[in-house]
C-alpha atoms as a PDB file:
ATOM      1  CA  MET A   1      45.107  24.746  26.730  1.00  0.00           C
ATOM      2  CA  THR A   2      44.863  26.999  23.678  1.00  0.00           C
ATOM      3  CA  CYS A   3      41.646  28.446  22.257  1.00  0.00           C
ATOM      4  CA  GLN A   4      41.168  29.828  18.772  1.00  0.00           C
ATOM      5  CA  ASN A   5      40.790  33.612  19.039  1.00  0.00           C
ATOM      6  CA  PRO A   6      38.671  35.306  17.782  1.00  0.00           C
ATOM      7  CA  VAL A   7      35.727  33.106  16.808  1.00  0.00           C
ATOM      8  CA  SER A   8      33.054  34.451  14.484  1.00  0.00           C
ATOM      9  CA  PHE A   9      29.840  32.740  13.427  1.00  0.00           C
ATOM     10  CA  GLY A  10      28.168  33.478  10.132  1.00  0.00           C
ATOM     11  CA  CYS A  11      24.816  35.196   9.803  1.00  0.00           C
ATOM     12  CA  LEU A  12      23.020  31.999   8.849  1.00  0.00           C
ATOM     13  CA  ASP A  13      24.645  29.576  11.332  1.00  0.00           C
ATOM     14  CA  SER A  14      21.576  28.029  12.975  1.00  0.00           C
ATOM     15  CA  ASN A  15      23.535  25.733  15.313  1.00  0.00           C
ATOM     16  CA  PRO A  16      26.927  27.349  16.020  1.00  0.00           C
ATOM     17  CA  ALA A  17      29.621  25.386  17.867  1.00  0.00           C
ATOM     18  CA  TYR A  18      32.989  26.582  19.163  1.00  0.00           C
ATOM     19  CA  PRO A  19      36.164  25.059  17.704  1.00  0.00           C
ATOM     20  CA  THR A  20      37.673  22.500  20.075  1.00  0.00           C
ATOM     21  CA  PRO A  21      40.586  23.932  22.100  1.00  0.00           C
ATOM     22  CA  THR A  22      43.992  22.261  21.935  1.00  0.00           C
ATOM     23  CA  ILE A  23      45.037  20.610  25.186  1.00  0.00           C
ATOM     24  CA  THR A  24      48.660  19.481  25.528  1.00  0.00           C
ATOM     25  CA  GLY A  25      50.994  18.343  28.310  1.00  0.00           C
ATOM     26  CA  GLY A  26      49.902  17.424  31.817  1.00  0.00           C
ATOM     27  CA  CYS A  27      48.650  14.036  32.879  1.00  0.00           C
ATOM     28  CA  GLU A  28      46.847  11.382  30.859  1.00  0.00           C
ATOM     29  CA  THR A  29      43.452  12.794  31.763  1.00  0.00           C
ATOM     30  CA  ASP A  30      44.101  15.897  29.604  1.00  0.00           C
ATOM     31  CA  ALA A  31      43.358  13.839  26.482  1.00  0.00           C
ATOM     32  CA  GLN A  32      40.016  12.809  27.981  1.00  0.00           C
ATOM     33  CA  ALA A  33      39.099  16.262  29.298  1.00  0.00           C
ATOM     34  CA  THR A  34      35.580  17.614  29.002  1.00  0.00           C
ATOM     35  CA  VAL A  35      35.409  21.232  27.839  1.00  0.00           C
ATOM     36  CA  SER A  36      32.661  23.571  29.012  1.00  0.00           C
ATOM     37  CA  TYR A  37      32.094  27.215  28.090  1.00  0.00           C
ATOM     38  CA  SER A  38      30.990  30.192  30.181  1.00  0.00           C
ATOM     39  CA  ILE A  39      28.325  30.923  27.543  1.00  0.00           C
ATOM     40  CA  ALA A  40      26.999  28.466  24.968  1.00  0.00           C
ATOM     41  CA  ALA A  41      27.624  29.403  21.319  1.00  0.00           C
ATOM     42  CA  ASN A  42      23.902  29.458  20.533  1.00  0.00           C
ATOM     43  CA  ALA A  43      23.307  31.784  23.527  1.00  0.00           C
ATOM     44  CA  LEU A  44      25.742  34.466  22.346  1.00  0.00           C
ATOM     45  CA  PRO A  45      24.100  37.867  21.959  1.00  0.00           C
ATOM     46  CA  ILE A  46      23.735  38.697  18.269  1.00  0.00           C
ATOM     47  CA  GLY A  47      26.119  41.288  16.887  1.00  0.00           C
ATOM     48  CA  VAL A  48      28.147  41.716  20.092  1.00  0.00           C
ATOM     49  CA  SER A  49      31.743  40.574  20.710  1.00  0.00           C
ATOM     50  CA  THR A  50      31.652  38.506  23.889  1.00  0.00           C
ATOM     51  CA  GLN A  51      34.512  37.148  25.985  1.00  0.00           C
ATOM     52  CA  VAL A  52      34.098  33.401  26.538  1.00  0.00           C
ATOM     53  CA  THR A  53      36.034  31.198  28.959  1.00  0.00           C
ATOM     54  CA  ALA A  54      36.636  27.557  28.065  1.00  0.00           C
ATOM     55  CA  THR A  55      37.277  25.231  31.010  1.00  0.00           C
ATOM     56  CA  ALA A  56      38.738  21.728  30.712  1.00  0.00           C
ATOM     57  CA  SER A  57      37.897  19.304  33.522  1.00  0.00           C
ATOM     58  CA  VAL A  58      38.069  15.570  34.246  1.00  0.00           C
ATOM     59  CA  PRO A  59      34.838  13.809  33.227  1.00  0.00           C
ATOM     60  CA  GLY A  60      32.691  13.057  36.269  1.00  0.00           C
ATOM     61  CA  ASP A  61      34.671  15.461  38.481  1.00  0.00           C
ATOM     62  CA  PRO A  62      33.510  19.029  37.766  1.00  0.00           C
ATOM     63  CA  GLY A  63      35.735  20.450  40.516  1.00  0.00           C
ATOM     64  CA  SER A  64      38.902  19.216  38.769  1.00  0.00           C
ATOM     65  CA  VAL A  65      39.808  22.139  36.527  1.00  0.00           C
ATOM     66  CA  LEU A  66      42.761  21.163  34.338  1.00  0.00           C
ATOM     67  CA  ALA A  67      43.098  24.380  32.356  1.00  0.00           C
ATOM     68  CA  THR A  68      41.225  27.406  31.039  1.00  0.00           C
ATOM     69  CA  CYS A  69      41.559  29.802  28.140  1.00  0.00           C
ATOM     70  CA  THR A  70      39.561  32.804  26.994  1.00  0.00           C
ATOM     71  CA  PHE A  71      38.604  34.038  23.555  1.00  0.00           C
ATOM     72  CA  THR A  72      36.306  36.548  21.911  1.00  0.00           C
ATOM     73  CA  ALA A  73      33.267  35.232  20.034  1.00  0.00           C
ATOM     74  CA  THR A  74      30.793  37.077  17.831  1.00  0.00           C
ATOM     75  CA  ARG A  75      27.505  35.796  16.463  1.00  0.00           C
ATOM     76  CA  ASN A  76      26.690  37.916  13.425  1.00  0.00           C
ATOM     77  CA  ALA A  77      23.147  38.838  12.455  1.00  0.00           C
ATOM     78  CA  LEU A  78      21.784  39.377   8.981  1.00  0.00           C
ATOM     79  CA  VAL A  79      20.906  43.068   8.617  1.00  0.00           C
ATOM     80  CA  PHE A  80      18.381  44.308   6.073  1.00  0.00           C
ATOM     81  CA  ASP A  81      19.578  47.656   4.659  1.00  0.00           C
ATOM     82  CA  GLY A  82      16.122  48.847   3.520  1.00  0.00           C
ATOM     83  CA  PHE A  83      14.511  49.055   0.101  1.00  0.00           C
ATOM     84  CA  TYR A  84      16.088  51.466  -2.380  1.00  0.00           C
ATOM     85  CA  ALA A  85      14.177  54.155  -4.265  1.00  0.00           C
ATOM     86  CA  PRO A  86      11.611  54.204  -5.638  1.00  0.00           C
ATOM     87  CA  LEU A  87      10.558  51.662  -2.954  1.00  0.00           C
ATOM     88  CA  ASN A  88      11.985  53.577  -0.052  1.00  0.00           C
ATOM     89  CA  THR A  89       9.386  52.795   2.607  1.00  0.00           C
ATOM     90  CA  GLU A  90       9.459  49.499   4.441  1.00  0.00           C
ATOM     91  CA  GLY A  91       6.880  47.853   6.665  1.00  0.00           C
ATOM     92  CA  THR A  92       3.779  49.083   4.844  1.00  0.00           C
ATOM     93  CA  ASP A  93       0.670  47.158   3.863  1.00  0.00           C
ATOM     94  CA  CYS A  94      -2.630  47.577   2.001  1.00  0.00           C
ATOM     95  CA  SER A  95      -3.797  50.235   4.476  1.00  0.00           C
ATOM     96  CA  LYS A  96      -1.070  52.702   3.439  1.00  0.00           C
ATOM     97  CA  ASN A  97      -2.400  55.996   2.098  1.00  0.00           C
ATOM     98  CA  PHE A  98      -0.262  57.246  -0.776  1.00  0.00           C
ATOM     99  CA  LYS A  99       0.328  60.871  -1.784  1.00  0.00           C
ATOM    100  CA  ASN A 100       0.009  61.701  -5.499  1.00  0.00           C
ATOM    101  CA  SER A 101       3.801  62.036  -5.696  1.00  0.00           C
ATOM    102  CA  GLU A 102       4.158  58.412  -4.470  1.00  0.00           C
ATOM    103  CA  LEU A 103       1.932  56.834  -7.128  1.00  0.00           C
ATOM    104  CA  THR A 104       3.466  54.792  -9.948  1.00  0.00           C
ATOM    105  CA  ARG A 105       2.129  54.713 -13.501  1.00  0.00           C
ATOM    106  CA  LEU A 106       1.003  51.437 -15.011  1.00  0.00           C
ATOM    107  CA  GLY A 107       3.509  50.157 -17.544  1.00  0.00           C
ATOM    108  CA  GLN A 108       6.632  51.039 -15.570  1.00  0.00           C
ATOM    109  CA  VAL A 109       9.194  48.550 -14.335  1.00  0.00           C
ATOM    110  CA  ILE A 110       9.756  49.066 -10.615  1.00  0.00           C
ATOM    111  CA  PRO A 111      13.188  47.879  -9.469  1.00  0.00           C
ATOM    112  CA  ILE A 112      13.143  45.997  -6.166  1.00  0.00           C
ATOM    113  CA  LYS A 113      16.616  46.448  -4.695  1.00  0.00           C
ATOM    114  CA  PHE A 114      18.203  46.200  -1.252  1.00  0.00           C
ATOM    115  CA  LYS A 115      21.302  44.936   0.530  1.00  0.00           C
ATOM    116  CA  THR A 116      21.666  42.415   3.300  1.00  0.00           C
ATOM    117  CA  LEU A 117      24.715  42.838   5.509  1.00  0.00           C
ATOM    118  CA  CYS A 118      26.656  40.396   7.656  1.00  0.00           C
ATOM    119  CA  GLY A 119      29.184  41.926  10.009  1.00  0.00           C
ATOM    120  CA  GLY A 120      28.753  45.255   8.193  1.00  0.00           C
ATOM    121  CA  ILE A 121      29.691  43.756   4.797  1.00  0.00           C
ATOM    122  CA  SER A 122      27.317  43.192   1.872  1.00  0.00           C
ATOM    123  CA  PHE A 123      26.164  39.566   2.107  1.00  0.00           C
ATOM    124  CA  GLY A 124      25.009  37.462  -0.829  1.00  0.00           C
ATOM    125  CA  GLY A 125      25.204  34.062   0.871  1.00  0.00           C
ATOM    126  CA  GLY A 126      22.560  31.527   1.729  1.00  0.00           C
ATOM    127  CA  THR A 127      19.437  30.806  -0.261  1.00  0.00           C
ATOM    128  CA  PRO A 128      18.591  33.856  -2.406  1.00  0.00           C
ATOM    129  CA  PRO A 129      15.693  35.967  -1.125  1.00  0.00           C
ATOM    130  CA  THR A 130      12.298  35.441  -2.757  1.00  0.00           C
ATOM    131  CA  TYR A 131       9.330  37.726  -3.256  1.00  0.00           C
ATOM    132  CA  GLU A 132       5.578  37.539  -3.609  1.00  0.00           C
ATOM    133  CA  ILE A 133       3.398  40.352  -4.938  1.00  0.00           C
ATOM    134  CA  GLU A 134      -0.001  40.550  -3.256  1.00  0.00           C
ATOM    135  CA  SER A 135      -2.963  42.349  -4.799  1.00  0.00           C
ATOM    136  CA  CYS A 136      -4.764  44.439  -2.182  1.00  0.00           C
ATOM    137  CA  ILE A 137      -8.031  44.072  -4.099  1.00  0.00           C
ATOM    138  CA  ASP A 138      -8.499  40.424  -3.102  1.00  0.00           C
ATOM    139  CA  GLN A 139      -5.297  39.571  -1.103  1.00  0.00           C
ATOM    140  CA  SER A 140      -4.259  37.072  -3.785  1.00  0.00           C
ATOM    141  CA  ILE A 141      -0.616  36.426  -4.662  1.00  0.00           C
ATOM    142  CA  VAL A 142      -0.297  37.503  -8.296  1.00  0.00           C
ATOM    143  CA  LYS A 143       3.423  36.865  -8.818  1.00  0.00           C
ATOM    144  CA  ARG A 144       6.370  35.083  -7.208  1.00  0.00           C
ATOM    145  CA  GLY A 145      10.062  35.339  -7.968  1.00  0.00           C
ATOM    146  CA  THR A 146      13.648  35.070  -6.766  1.00  0.00           C
ATOM    147  CA  PHE A 147      16.252  37.803  -6.379  1.00  0.00           C
ATOM    148  CA  THR A 148      19.673  37.788  -8.043  1.00  0.00           C
ATOM    149  CA  PHE A 149      22.804  39.158  -6.378  1.00  0.00           C
ATOM    150  CA  VAL A 150      24.395  41.833  -8.595  1.00  0.00           C
ATOM    151  CA  SER A 151      27.027  44.419  -7.577  1.00  0.00           C
ATOM    152  CA  ASN A 152      26.615  43.637  -3.857  1.00  0.00           C
ATOM    153  CA  GLU A 153      22.824  44.168  -3.983  1.00  0.00           C
ATOM    154  CA  TRP A 154      19.765  41.949  -4.354  1.00  0.00           C
ATOM    155  CA  HIS A 155      17.800  42.717  -7.551  1.00  0.00           C
ATOM    156  CA  ALA A 156      14.328  41.859  -8.852  1.00  0.00           C
ATOM    157  CA  GLN A 157      11.616  43.822 -10.616  1.00  0.00           C
ATOM    158  CA  PHE A 158       7.881  44.417 -10.654  1.00  0.00           C
ATOM    159  CA  ASN A 159       6.839  44.946 -14.274  1.00  0.00           C
ATOM    160  CA  THR A 160       3.584  46.889 -14.008  1.00  0.00           C
ATOM    161  CA  GLY A 161       3.033  46.431 -17.744  1.00  0.00           C
ATOM    162  CA  GLU A 162       2.250  42.715 -17.417  1.00  0.00           C
ATOM    163  CA  GLN A 163      -1.276  41.555 -18.334  1.00  0.00           C
ATOM    164  CA  TRP A 164      -2.389  40.733 -14.816  1.00  0.00           C
ATOM    165  CA  VAL A 165      -1.508  44.184 -13.408  1.00  0.00           C
ATOM    166  CA  THR A 166      -4.299  46.766 -12.936  1.00  0.00           C
ATOM    167  CA  THR A 167      -4.537  50.046 -11.060  1.00  0.00           C
ATOM    168  CA  GLY A 168      -4.636  49.729  -7.291  1.00  0.00           C
ATOM    169  CA  LYS A 169      -2.407  48.820  -4.358  1.00  0.00           C
ATOM    170  CA  TYR A 170       0.038  45.936  -4.167  1.00  0.00           C
ATOM    171  CA  VAL A 171       2.276  44.710  -1.364  1.00  0.00           C
ATOM    172  CA  ILE A 172       5.665  43.181  -2.161  1.00  0.00           C
ATOM    173  CA  HIS A 173       6.612  40.577   0.478  1.00  0.00           C
ATOM    174  CA  VAL A 174      10.342  39.743   0.534  1.00  0.00           C
ATOM    175  CA  LYS A 175      11.588  36.642   2.362  1.00  0.00           C
ATOM    176  CA  LEU A 176      15.270  37.133   3.311  1.00  0.00           C
ATOM    177  CA  GLN A 177      17.970  34.448   3.554  1.00  0.00           C
ATOM    178  CA  ASP A 178      17.353  34.014   7.304  1.00  0.00           C
ATOM    179  CA  GLY A 179      13.591  33.561   6.835  1.00  0.00           C
ATOM    180  CA  ASN A 180      12.595  37.045   8.035  1.00  0.00           C
ATOM    181  CA  THR A 181      10.081  38.914   5.894  1.00  0.00           C
ATOM    182  CA  LYS A 182      10.094  42.571   4.832  1.00  0.00           C
ATOM    183  CA  LYS A 183       7.315  44.254   2.923  1.00  0.00           C
ATOM    184  CA  VAL A 184       6.622  47.412   0.981  1.00  0.00           C
ATOM    185  CA  ALA A 185       3.431  48.721  -0.640  1.00  0.00           C
ATOM    186  CA  VAL A 186       3.022  50.421  -4.017  1.00  0.00           C
ATOM    187  CA  GLN A 187      -0.005  52.030  -5.614  1.00  0.00           C
ATOM    188  CA  LEU A 188      -0.456  52.085  -9.371  1.00  0.00           C
ATOM    189  CA  LYS A 189      -2.439  54.699 -11.268  1.00  0.00           C
END
């Protein structure tokens, strides 16, 4: 019995499954063997290389081990690398108190940039992230958009010169490729 080694699942694999091992030689029952794993692929800890044992047995006779093999499996997680300046605080909302040095003038274009990583490498796969800009005055969504992947980063912009923009606080909600949401607040003067 031969297992593929190593096995790595992508950051957006929602239902990972191990590749089927190759079973050769032995008696006729080898071709009909049932393979079980010491840990299910969807139960792998995220971001950790784990040793897995595959066991081939005769169907209906769990005590009849025909062969085993081991391999290393990793289930990668999507990692958000944080917002880049000038939006360098993450996890804020309408209650954030801004210092004068953190205020943005109306009429500026605020770049919304960040990286998502998979296995430590910049990741632009999956459905592109989206954003919504919420006005803290009435909690309404005043703009929606989609990010583009440029130079290994996700890019969008908040043009504070658009007609609908007034002074006050706004929260930018970003929905990542894996469905997780990140947010950052800005205050315009």
